[in-house]
Amino acid sequence: MLIKNNKGQTAVEYILTTAALFVAFAIFYKSYSWIVPRQFDNGAKVILAVYELER
């Protein structure tokens, strides 16, 4: 598909780039919103285990 109008092609490229970046950021957000709470839970378990050992 060749677009004869240069402005039209640029607009399509911007739209595709924006959509790709949106999808990438959405995937990163979803993965980090799942990973970060688990890391806090794991860290809390380690801290509590060390605290119980030192008591």
N, C-alpha and C. Protein backbone atom coordinates (compact mmCIF):
# COMPACT_ATOMS: atom_id res chain seq x y z
N MET A 1 0.84 -1.18 0.00
CA MET A 1 0.00 0.00 0.00
C MET A 1 0.89 1.24 0.00
N LEU A 2 0.86 1.94 -1.07
CA LEU A 2 1.64 3.18 -1.17
C LEU A 2 0.70 4.36 -1.04
N ILE A 3 1.06 5.27 -0.15
CA ILE A 3 0.27 6.49 0.01
C ILE A 3 0.95 7.57 -0.82
N LYS A 4 0.19 8.17 -1.71
CA LYS A 4 0.77 9.16 -2.61
C LYS A 4 1.06 10.48 -1.89
N ASN A 5 0.29 10.79 -0.88
CA ASN A 5 0.46 12.04 -0.16
C ASN A 5 1.45 11.83 0.98
N ASN A 6 2.50 12.62 1.00
CA ASN A 6 3.54 12.50 2.02
C ASN A 6 3.00 12.80 3.41
N LYS A 7 2.10 13.78 3.52
CA LYS A 7 1.52 14.12 4.81
C LYS A 7 0.67 12.98 5.33
N GLY A 8 -0.05 12.33 4.46
CA GLY A 8 -0.87 11.18 4.86
C GLY A 8 -0.02 10.03 5.37
N GLN A 9 1.11 9.80 4.70
CA GLN A 9 2.00 8.74 5.13
C GLN A 9 2.59 9.06 6.50
N THR A 10 2.97 10.31 6.72
CA THR A 10 3.52 10.72 8.00
C THR A 10 2.48 10.56 9.10
N ALA A 11 1.24 10.92 8.82
CA ALA A 11 0.17 10.77 9.80
C ALA A 11 -0.03 9.30 10.16
N VAL A 12 -0.02 8.43 9.16
CA VAL A 12 -0.19 7.00 9.42
C VAL A 12 0.98 6.48 10.24
N GLU A 13 2.18 6.92 9.93
CA GLU A 13 3.36 6.48 10.70
C GLU A 13 3.26 6.94 12.16
N TYR A 14 2.82 8.18 12.38
CA TYR A 14 2.66 8.68 13.75
C TYR A 14 1.60 7.89 14.50
N ILE A 15 0.51 7.60 13.85
CA ILE A 15 -0.57 6.84 14.50
C ILE A 15 -0.09 5.43 14.85
N LEU A 16 0.60 4.77 13.95
CA LEU A 16 1.10 3.42 14.22
C LEU A 16 2.15 3.44 15.33
N THR A 17 3.03 4.44 15.32
CA THR A 17 4.04 4.55 16.37
C THR A 17 3.39 4.80 17.72
N THR A 18 2.40 5.69 17.75
CA THR A 18 1.70 5.98 19.00
C THR A 18 0.99 4.74 19.52
N ALA A 19 0.34 4.00 18.64
CA ALA A 19 -0.35 2.79 19.05
C ALA A 19 0.64 1.75 19.59
N ALA A 20 1.77 1.60 18.92
CA ALA A 20 2.78 0.64 19.37
C ALA A 20 3.34 1.03 20.73
N LEU A 21 3.62 2.31 20.94
CA LEU A 21 4.13 2.76 22.23
C LEU A 21 3.09 2.59 23.33
N PHE A 22 1.83 2.86 23.01
CA PHE A 22 0.76 2.68 23.99
C PHE A 22 0.66 1.22 24.42
N VAL A 23 0.72 0.31 23.46
CA VAL A 23 0.65 -1.11 23.78
C VAL A 23 1.86 -1.53 24.61
N ALA A 24 3.05 -1.05 24.26
CA ALA A 24 4.25 -1.40 25.00
C ALA A 24 4.16 -0.90 26.44
N PHE A 25 3.74 0.36 26.64
CA PHE A 25 3.61 0.89 28.00
C PHE A 25 2.53 0.17 28.78
N ALA A 26 1.44 -0.21 28.12
CA ALA A 26 0.38 -0.96 28.80
C ALA A 26 0.89 -2.32 29.26
N ILE A 27 1.69 -2.98 28.44
CA ILE A 27 2.26 -4.28 28.83
C ILE A 27 3.22 -4.11 29.99
N PHE A 28 4.09 -3.08 29.93
CA PHE A 28 5.01 -2.83 31.04
C PHE A 28 4.25 -2.52 32.32
N TYR A 29 3.20 -1.70 32.23
CA TYR A 29 2.43 -1.35 33.41
C TYR A 29 1.78 -2.58 34.02
N LYS A 30 1.19 -3.41 33.18
CA LYS A 30 0.51 -4.62 33.66
C LYS A 30 1.52 -5.57 34.32
N SER A 31 2.68 -5.74 33.71
CA SER A 31 3.66 -6.67 34.27
C SER A 31 4.25 -6.12 35.57
N TYR A 32 4.55 -4.82 35.61
CA TYR A 32 5.12 -4.26 36.83
C TYR A 32 4.10 -4.17 37.96
N SER A 33 2.83 -3.97 37.62
CA SER A 33 1.81 -3.92 38.67
C SER A 33 1.61 -5.31 39.27
N TRP A 34 2.06 -6.34 38.60
CA TRP A 34 2.00 -7.69 39.15
C TRP A 34 3.31 -8.04 39.86
N ILE A 35 4.44 -7.61 39.33
CA ILE A 35 5.75 -7.98 39.88
C ILE A 35 6.06 -7.23 41.16
N VAL A 36 5.82 -5.92 41.20
CA VAL A 36 6.23 -5.10 42.34
C VAL A 36 5.55 -5.53 43.64
N PRO A 37 4.25 -5.75 43.68
CA PRO A 37 3.65 -6.20 44.95
C PRO A 37 4.21 -7.55 45.42
N ARG A 38 4.51 -8.42 44.49
CA ARG A 38 5.11 -9.71 44.89
C ARG A 38 6.49 -9.51 45.48
N GLN A 39 7.25 -8.57 44.93
CA GLN A 39 8.58 -8.29 45.48
C GLN A 39 8.47 -7.72 46.89
N PHE A 40 7.49 -6.85 47.13
CA PHE A 40 7.29 -6.32 48.48
C PHE A 40 6.90 -7.44 49.44
N ASP A 41 6.04 -8.35 49.00
CA ASP A 41 5.64 -9.47 49.85
C ASP A 41 6.85 -10.35 50.18
N ASN A 42 7.66 -10.65 49.18
CA ASN A 42 8.85 -11.47 49.41
C ASN A 42 9.83 -10.76 50.34
N GLY A 43 10.01 -9.47 50.15
CA GLY A 43 10.90 -8.70 51.02
C GLY A 43 10.39 -8.67 52.45
N ALA A 44 9.08 -8.52 52.61
CA ALA A 44 8.50 -8.51 53.96
C ALA A 44 8.71 -9.85 54.65
N LYS A 45 8.58 -10.93 53.91
CA LYS A 45 8.79 -12.27 54.49
C LYS A 45 10.24 -12.42 54.96
N VAL A 46 11.18 -11.94 54.18
CA VAL A 46 12.59 -12.02 54.55
C VAL A 46 12.85 -11.18 55.80
N ILE A 47 12.32 -9.97 55.82
CA ILE A 47 12.53 -9.08 56.97
C ILE A 47 11.94 -9.70 58.23
N LEU A 48 10.73 -10.23 58.13
CA LEU A 48 10.11 -10.85 59.30
C LEU A 48 10.86 -12.09 59.75
N ALA A 49 11.36 -12.87 58.80
CA ALA A 49 12.13 -14.07 59.18
C ALA A 49 13.40 -13.68 59.90
N VAL A 50 14.10 -12.67 59.43
CA VAL A 50 15.33 -12.21 60.09
C VAL A 50 14.99 -11.63 61.45
N TYR A 51 13.91 -10.90 61.55
CA TYR A 51 13.50 -10.31 62.83
C TYR A 51 13.18 -11.40 63.84
N GLU A 52 12.50 -12.45 63.40
CA GLU A 52 12.15 -13.54 64.32
C GLU A 52 13.42 -14.29 64.77
N LEU A 53 14.41 -14.41 63.90
CA LEU A 53 15.65 -15.10 64.27
C LEU A 53 16.46 -14.31 65.29
N GLU A 54 16.40 -13.00 65.22
CA GLU A 54 17.20 -12.16 66.11
C GLU A 54 16.52 -11.89 67.45
N ARG A 55 15.26 -12.26 67.58
CA ARG A 55 14.56 -12.03 68.84
C ARG A 55 14.96 -12.96 69.89
